[in-house]
Amino acid sequence: MSDLYLGIAILVALMVASFLLVAWLTRRSSTVTCDVWAAITVIGIAVYARWIWEDTLMARLFPYSNLIILSNWFPIAAGFLAGLVWQRIRDTPERIPGLGTFRGLPRRIFATVILAAAGCSTLVAPLLGEPPECGNEWDGDLCYQTSGATCSAAAASTLLQFYGVYASEGEMAERCLTRRGTNWKGLYRGLTLTLRSQQRRPEVVDLTIDELKQQFADPCILQCELKIDEDGPTLPYELNGWVPGQAHSVVLMDIRGDRFQVFDPSVGMEVWPRDAMQT
């Protein structure tokens, strides 16, 4: 976990630095200026959360095992907002009906602490909880998931076996930070840590089906999702453990034409036609 603690220390330092920098830059700014910058910051947070946070670009920017921490910029934004709030709240007495008169400093400190706590909570969230209890069920080189939350861990164990590296489902669940599921950045962490001995590094890409066919060379992990708004029947997939709108990890073993040989850790080997890949 030392990689995660290092990432947290870096982000906390950046949060503090952003707070101090903004507080210094806006020391002579008007309240209107602070309000405008706060609005811009909130819009930036929304854009980041919607289009950047979970984008595979993050894996190229931060190709390290603590990607799940380094790609979290919410603490930096919280520090930025805290700096604006520090200057926005003036150090003058203000009377709050029913509560009394308060100077600005206590309110500044209170608002800053709340924003800092909110930013830090997003950093420690991936570490909270414990991985699910796992078995170790193998069929040759194929690892089956033994809990409803460990498809990524089992898929990772299967893929690693292809490269001659043994890791149990339980080991990968711990390294991948599996809780009620596994974020793709957690999966990236598990593979990065385990492949260090092989001097290999996983690569995260976002491909169309045609691009996948062109670039496929060796087995790889696919994170799939059953669309919530899909018009076609989803019951056959749900009976095999799929949940509409929830990511599920499988291992793509081979491609022959428009038929994809896939190992699903919940059911075993399957052959998916192209239309199943698009579902």
Protein backbone atom coordinates (compact mmCIF):
# COMPACT_ATOMS: atom_id res chain seq x y z
CA MET A 1 0.00 0.00 0.00
CA SER A 2 3.05 2.28 0.10
CA ASP A 3 2.37 3.38 -3.48
CA LEU A 4 -1.10 4.57 -2.45
CA TYR A 5 0.19 6.39 0.61
CA LEU A 6 2.79 8.15 -1.54
CA GLY A 7 0.07 9.20 -3.99
CA ILE A 8 -2.09 10.52 -1.15
CA ALA A 9 0.86 12.52 0.24
CA ILE A 10 1.47 14.06 -3.20
CA LEU A 11 -2.17 15.04 -3.67
CA VAL A 12 -2.47 16.48 -0.15
CA ALA A 13 0.66 18.56 -0.78
CA LEU A 14 -0.82 19.81 -4.06
CA MET A 15 -4.10 20.62 -2.30
CA VAL A 16 -2.28 22.70 0.32
CA ALA A 17 -0.18 24.38 -2.37
CA SER A 18 -3.27 25.28 -4.42
CA PHE A 19 -4.92 26.73 -1.30
CA LEU A 20 -1.91 28.89 -0.43
CA LEU A 21 -1.38 30.02 -4.03
CA VAL A 22 -5.00 31.03 -4.60
CA ALA A 23 -5.28 32.72 -1.20
CA TRP A 24 -2.17 34.76 -2.02
CA LEU A 25 -3.23 35.64 -5.59
CA THR A 26 -6.69 36.80 -4.49
CA ARG A 27 -5.61 38.68 -1.38
CA ARG A 28 -6.69 41.99 -2.95
CA SER A 29 -9.55 40.64 -5.06
CA SER A 30 -13.14 41.72 -4.63
CA THR A 31 -15.85 39.35 -3.47
CA VAL A 32 -17.31 39.40 -6.98
CA THR A 33 -14.00 38.25 -8.45
CA CYS A 34 -13.80 35.43 -5.91
CA ASP A 35 -17.38 34.41 -6.73
CA VAL A 36 -16.64 34.31 -10.47
CA TRP A 37 -13.55 32.17 -9.98
CA ALA A 38 -15.45 29.86 -7.64
CA ALA A 39 -18.16 29.39 -10.29
CA ILE A 40 -15.51 28.64 -12.92
CA THR A 41 -13.90 26.12 -10.56
CA VAL A 42 -17.20 24.33 -9.93
CA ILE A 43 -17.82 24.11 -13.69
CA GLY A 44 -14.30 22.75 -14.12
CA ILE A 45 -14.95 20.10 -11.48
CA ALA A 46 -18.11 19.02 -13.32
CA VAL A 47 -16.26 18.81 -16.65
CA TYR A 48 -13.44 16.81 -15.05
CA ALA A 49 -15.86 14.41 -13.32
CA ARG A 50 -17.88 13.85 -16.49
CA TRP A 51 -15.23 13.57 -19.20
CA ILE A 52 -11.73 13.31 -17.74
CA TRP A 53 -11.64 11.42 -14.44
CA GLU A 54 -12.43 7.96 -15.87
CA ASP A 55 -10.90 8.51 -19.31
CA THR A 56 -8.11 6.16 -20.38
CA LEU A 57 -5.99 9.26 -21.00
CA MET A 58 -5.27 9.18 -17.27
CA ALA A 59 -3.39 5.89 -17.63
CA ARG A 60 -1.12 7.50 -20.21
CA LEU A 61 -0.53 10.57 -18.05
CA PHE A 62 0.14 8.56 -14.87
CA PRO A 63 1.37 5.04 -15.83
CA TYR A 64 1.97 4.04 -12.22
CA SER A 65 0.41 1.62 -9.78
CA ASN A 66 -1.10 4.53 -7.81
CA LEU A 67 -2.96 5.83 -10.86
CA ILE A 68 -6.22 5.60 -8.92
CA ILE A 69 -4.85 8.28 -6.55
CA LEU A 70 -2.81 10.46 -8.91
CA SER A 71 -5.71 10.83 -11.35
CA ASN A 72 -7.95 12.18 -8.59
CA TRP A 73 -7.85 15.96 -8.92
CA PHE A 74 -10.77 16.69 -6.60
CA PRO A 75 -8.44 17.55 -3.67
CA ILE A 76 -6.62 20.12 -5.82
CA ALA A 77 -9.96 21.68 -6.77
CA ALA A 78 -10.97 21.64 -3.09
CA GLY A 79 -7.78 23.51 -2.22
CA PHE A 80 -8.50 26.02 -4.97
CA LEU A 81 -12.02 26.61 -3.64
CA ALA A 82 -10.74 26.84 -0.07
CA GLY A 83 -8.34 29.61 -1.12
CA LEU A 84 -11.20 31.52 -2.70
CA VAL A 85 -13.43 31.03 0.33
CA TRP A 86 -10.63 32.20 2.62
CA GLN A 87 -10.57 35.55 0.82
CA ARG A 88 -14.32 35.67 0.19
CA ILE A 89 -15.14 35.58 3.90
CA ARG A 90 -14.01 38.90 5.29
CA ASP A 91 -12.48 39.18 8.76
CA THR A 92 -15.20 41.52 10.07
CA PRO A 93 -17.79 40.94 12.79
CA GLU A 94 -21.09 39.57 11.48
CA ARG A 95 -24.20 38.91 13.49
CA ILE A 96 -26.08 35.66 12.80
CA PRO A 97 -29.63 35.84 14.23
CA GLY A 98 -30.12 33.38 17.06
CA LEU A 99 -26.45 32.42 17.21
CA GLY A 100 -24.58 35.60 18.00
CA THR A 101 -21.78 37.64 16.48
CA PHE A 102 -18.88 35.95 14.73
CA ARG A 103 -15.71 37.28 13.20
CA GLY A 104 -14.54 36.04 9.84
CA LEU A 105 -11.56 33.96 10.97
CA PRO A 106 -13.52 31.13 12.66
CA ARG A 107 -15.80 30.92 9.64
CA ARG A 108 -12.82 30.92 7.30
CA ILE A 109 -11.23 28.06 9.22
CA PHE A 110 -14.49 26.11 9.35
CA ALA A 111 -15.13 26.42 5.59
CA THR A 112 -11.52 25.53 4.76
CA VAL A 113 -11.57 22.44 6.98
CA ILE A 114 -14.84 21.25 5.41
CA LEU A 115 -13.47 21.61 1.87
CA ALA A 116 -10.18 19.93 2.83
CA ALA A 117 -12.06 17.03 4.42
CA ALA A 118 -14.22 16.64 1.30
CA GLY A 119 -11.14 16.56 -0.93
CA CYS A 120 -9.25 14.10 1.28
CA SER A 121 -12.27 11.80 1.56
CA THR A 122 -12.08 11.09 -2.18
CA LEU A 123 -8.44 10.06 -1.77
CA VAL A 124 -9.00 7.52 0.99
CA ALA A 125 -12.26 6.13 -0.44
CA PRO A 126 -10.52 3.42 -2.56
CA LEU A 127 -8.73 2.14 0.56
CA LEU A 128 -11.81 1.80 2.74
CA GLY A 129 -13.35 -1.60 3.37
CA GLU A 130 -11.96 -5.06 2.80
CA PRO A 131 -11.78 -7.23 -0.33
CA PRO A 132 -14.44 -9.97 -0.50
CA GLU A 133 -13.60 -13.43 0.75
CA CYS A 134 -12.32 -15.44 -2.21
CA GLY A 135 -11.77 -19.06 -3.05
CA ASN A 136 -9.19 -20.21 -5.59
CA GLU A 137 -11.07 -22.11 -8.29
CA TRP A 138 -9.08 -23.01 -11.40
CA ASP A 139 -9.76 -25.10 -14.46
CA GLY A 140 -6.34 -25.49 -16.03
CA ASP A 141 -5.12 -21.96 -16.68
CA LEU A 142 -8.56 -20.39 -16.21
CA CYS A 143 -9.47 -18.76 -12.90
CA TYR A 144 -13.18 -18.60 -12.02
CA GLN A 145 -14.62 -15.90 -9.81
CA THR A 146 -15.86 -17.18 -6.47
CA SER A 147 -17.77 -14.07 -5.42
CA GLY A 148 -20.11 -11.69 -7.18
CA ALA A 149 -17.58 -8.84 -7.04
CA THR A 150 -14.34 -10.49 -8.23
CA CYS A 151 -14.74 -10.84 -12.00
CA SER A 152 -11.83 -8.40 -12.54
CA ALA A 153 -9.61 -10.20 -10.03
CA ALA A 154 -10.30 -13.60 -11.64
CA ALA A 155 -9.83 -12.17 -15.14
CA ALA A 156 -6.51 -10.67 -14.03
CA SER A 157 -5.36 -14.01 -12.58
CA THR A 158 -6.23 -15.73 -15.87
CA LEU A 159 -4.39 -13.14 -17.95
CA LEU A 160 -1.32 -13.28 -15.72
CA GLN A 161 -1.24 -17.06 -16.09
CA PHE A 162 -0.85 -16.53 -19.85
CA TYR A 163 2.36 -14.59 -19.11
CA GLY A 164 3.64 -17.26 -16.75
CA VAL A 165 2.83 -15.38 -13.54
CA TYR A 166 0.68 -17.09 -10.93
CA ALA A 167 -1.56 -15.01 -8.68
CA SER A 168 -4.65 -16.25 -6.88
CA GLU A 169 -8.04 -14.58 -7.12
CA GLY A 170 -7.70 -13.40 -3.52
CA GLU A 171 -4.28 -11.86 -4.13
CA MET A 172 -5.54 -9.96 -7.15
CA ALA A 173 -8.69 -8.83 -5.33
CA GLU A 174 -6.46 -7.24 -2.69
CA ARG A 175 -4.06 -5.62 -5.16
CA CYS A 176 -6.91 -4.41 -7.38
CA LEU A 177 -8.68 -2.80 -4.40
CA THR A 178 -11.79 -4.87 -5.04
CA ARG A 179 -14.67 -4.06 -2.73
CA ARG A 180 -18.23 -4.32 -4.09
CA GLY A 181 -16.60 -4.29 -7.51
CA THR A 182 -13.34 -3.23 -9.13
CA ASN A 183 -12.64 0.11 -10.76
CA TRP A 184 -10.52 -0.20 -13.91
CA LYS A 185 -7.82 1.86 -12.20
CA GLY A 186 -7.73 -0.68 -9.40
CA LEU A 187 -7.36 -3.45 -11.99
CA TYR A 188 -4.51 -1.45 -13.53
CA ARG A 189 -2.85 -1.27 -10.12
CA GLY A 190 -3.12 -5.02 -9.57
CA LEU A 191 -1.62 -5.85 -12.96
CA THR A 192 1.13 -3.23 -12.64
CA LEU A 193 2.27 -4.51 -9.25
CA THR A 194 2.16 -8.17 -10.28
CA LEU A 195 3.95 -7.70 -13.63
CA ARG A 196 6.88 -5.77 -12.17
CA SER A 197 8.89 -8.97 -11.88
CA GLN A 198 8.41 -9.52 -15.63
CA GLN A 199 9.39 -5.93 -16.48
CA ARG A 200 6.04 -5.53 -18.17
CA ARG A 201 3.43 -2.82 -17.84
CA PRO A 202 -0.28 -3.04 -18.68
CA GLU A 203 -1.73 -0.70 -21.27
CA VAL A 204 -5.25 0.74 -21.15
CA VAL A 205 -6.90 1.56 -24.47
CA ASP A 206 -10.38 2.51 -25.63
CA LEU A 207 -11.02 0.81 -28.98
CA THR A 208 -13.87 0.23 -31.38
CA ILE A 209 -14.59 -3.37 -32.35
CA ASP A 210 -12.83 -2.93 -35.69
CA GLU A 211 -9.79 -1.38 -34.00
CA LEU A 212 -9.73 -4.25 -31.52
CA LYS A 213 -9.71 -6.78 -34.37
CA GLN A 214 -6.87 -4.97 -36.13
CA GLN A 215 -4.67 -4.60 -33.05
CA PHE A 216 -5.37 -7.88 -31.26
CA ALA A 217 -2.28 -10.04 -30.81
CA ASP A 218 -2.43 -11.68 -27.37
CA PRO A 219 -5.12 -12.29 -24.74
CA CYS A 220 -6.33 -9.15 -23.01
CA ILE A 221 -8.96 -8.08 -20.51
CA LEU A 222 -12.15 -6.44 -21.74
CA GLN A 223 -14.32 -4.40 -19.44
CA CYS A 224 -17.82 -4.80 -20.81
CA GLU A 225 -21.13 -3.30 -19.86
CA LEU A 226 -24.70 -4.33 -20.61
CA LYS A 227 -26.43 -1.16 -21.74
CA ILE A 228 -29.31 -0.05 -19.55
CA ASP A 229 -31.22 1.41 -22.49
CA GLU A 230 -30.70 -1.54 -24.80
CA ASP A 231 -33.94 -2.37 -26.65
CA GLY A 232 -33.10 -6.05 -27.08
CA PRO A 233 -33.66 -8.72 -24.42
CA THR A 234 -31.18 -8.63 -21.54
CA LEU A 235 -32.56 -11.50 -19.46
CA PRO A 236 -30.20 -14.14 -20.95
CA TYR A 237 -27.23 -12.00 -19.92
CA GLU A 238 -28.65 -11.24 -16.49
CA LEU A 239 -29.09 -14.96 -15.81
CA ASN A 240 -25.32 -15.32 -16.32
CA GLY A 241 -24.56 -12.70 -13.69
CA TRP A 242 -24.58 -9.54 -15.80
CA VAL A 243 -26.11 -6.41 -14.29
CA PRO A 244 -27.31 -3.74 -16.76
CA GLY A 245 -25.14 -0.62 -16.45
CA GLN A 246 -22.45 -2.34 -14.35
CA ALA A 247 -19.00 -3.16 -15.74
CA HIS A 248 -17.99 -6.83 -16.04
CA SER A 249 -14.47 -8.07 -16.84
CA VAL A 250 -13.73 -10.94 -19.23
CA VAL A 251 -10.61 -12.18 -20.98
CA LEU A 252 -10.52 -12.05 -24.77
CA MET A 253 -8.61 -15.17 -25.79
CA ASP A 254 -8.85 -15.12 -29.60
CA ILE A 255 -10.62 -13.50 -32.55
CA ARG A 256 -11.66 -15.40 -35.65
CA GLY A 257 -13.50 -13.27 -38.15
CA ASP A 258 -16.49 -11.80 -36.36
CA ARG A 259 -16.41 -14.38 -33.59
CA PHE A 260 -14.70 -13.57 -30.31
CA GLN A 261 -13.48 -16.36 -28.03
CA VAL A 262 -13.98 -15.05 -24.51
CA PHE A 263 -13.38 -16.43 -21.04
CA ASP A 264 -16.05 -15.12 -18.69
CA PRO A 265 -14.91 -15.78 -15.08
CA SER A 266 -18.52 -16.30 -14.02
CA VAL A 267 -19.47 -18.98 -16.59
CA GLY A 268 -16.39 -20.14 -18.52
CA MET A 269 -15.40 -20.15 -22.18
CA GLU A 270 -17.83 -18.59 -24.63
CA VAL A 271 -17.88 -17.50 -28.26
CA TRP A 272 -19.43 -14.09 -28.79
CA PRO A 273 -20.68 -12.97 -32.19
CA ARG A 274 -20.11 -9.36 -33.20
CA ASP A 275 -23.63 -8.30 -32.22
CA ALA A 276 -23.03 -9.57 -28.66
CA MET A 277 -19.95 -7.35 -28.46
CA GLN A 278 -22.15 -4.40 -29.41
CA THR A 279 -24.91 -5.16 -26.87
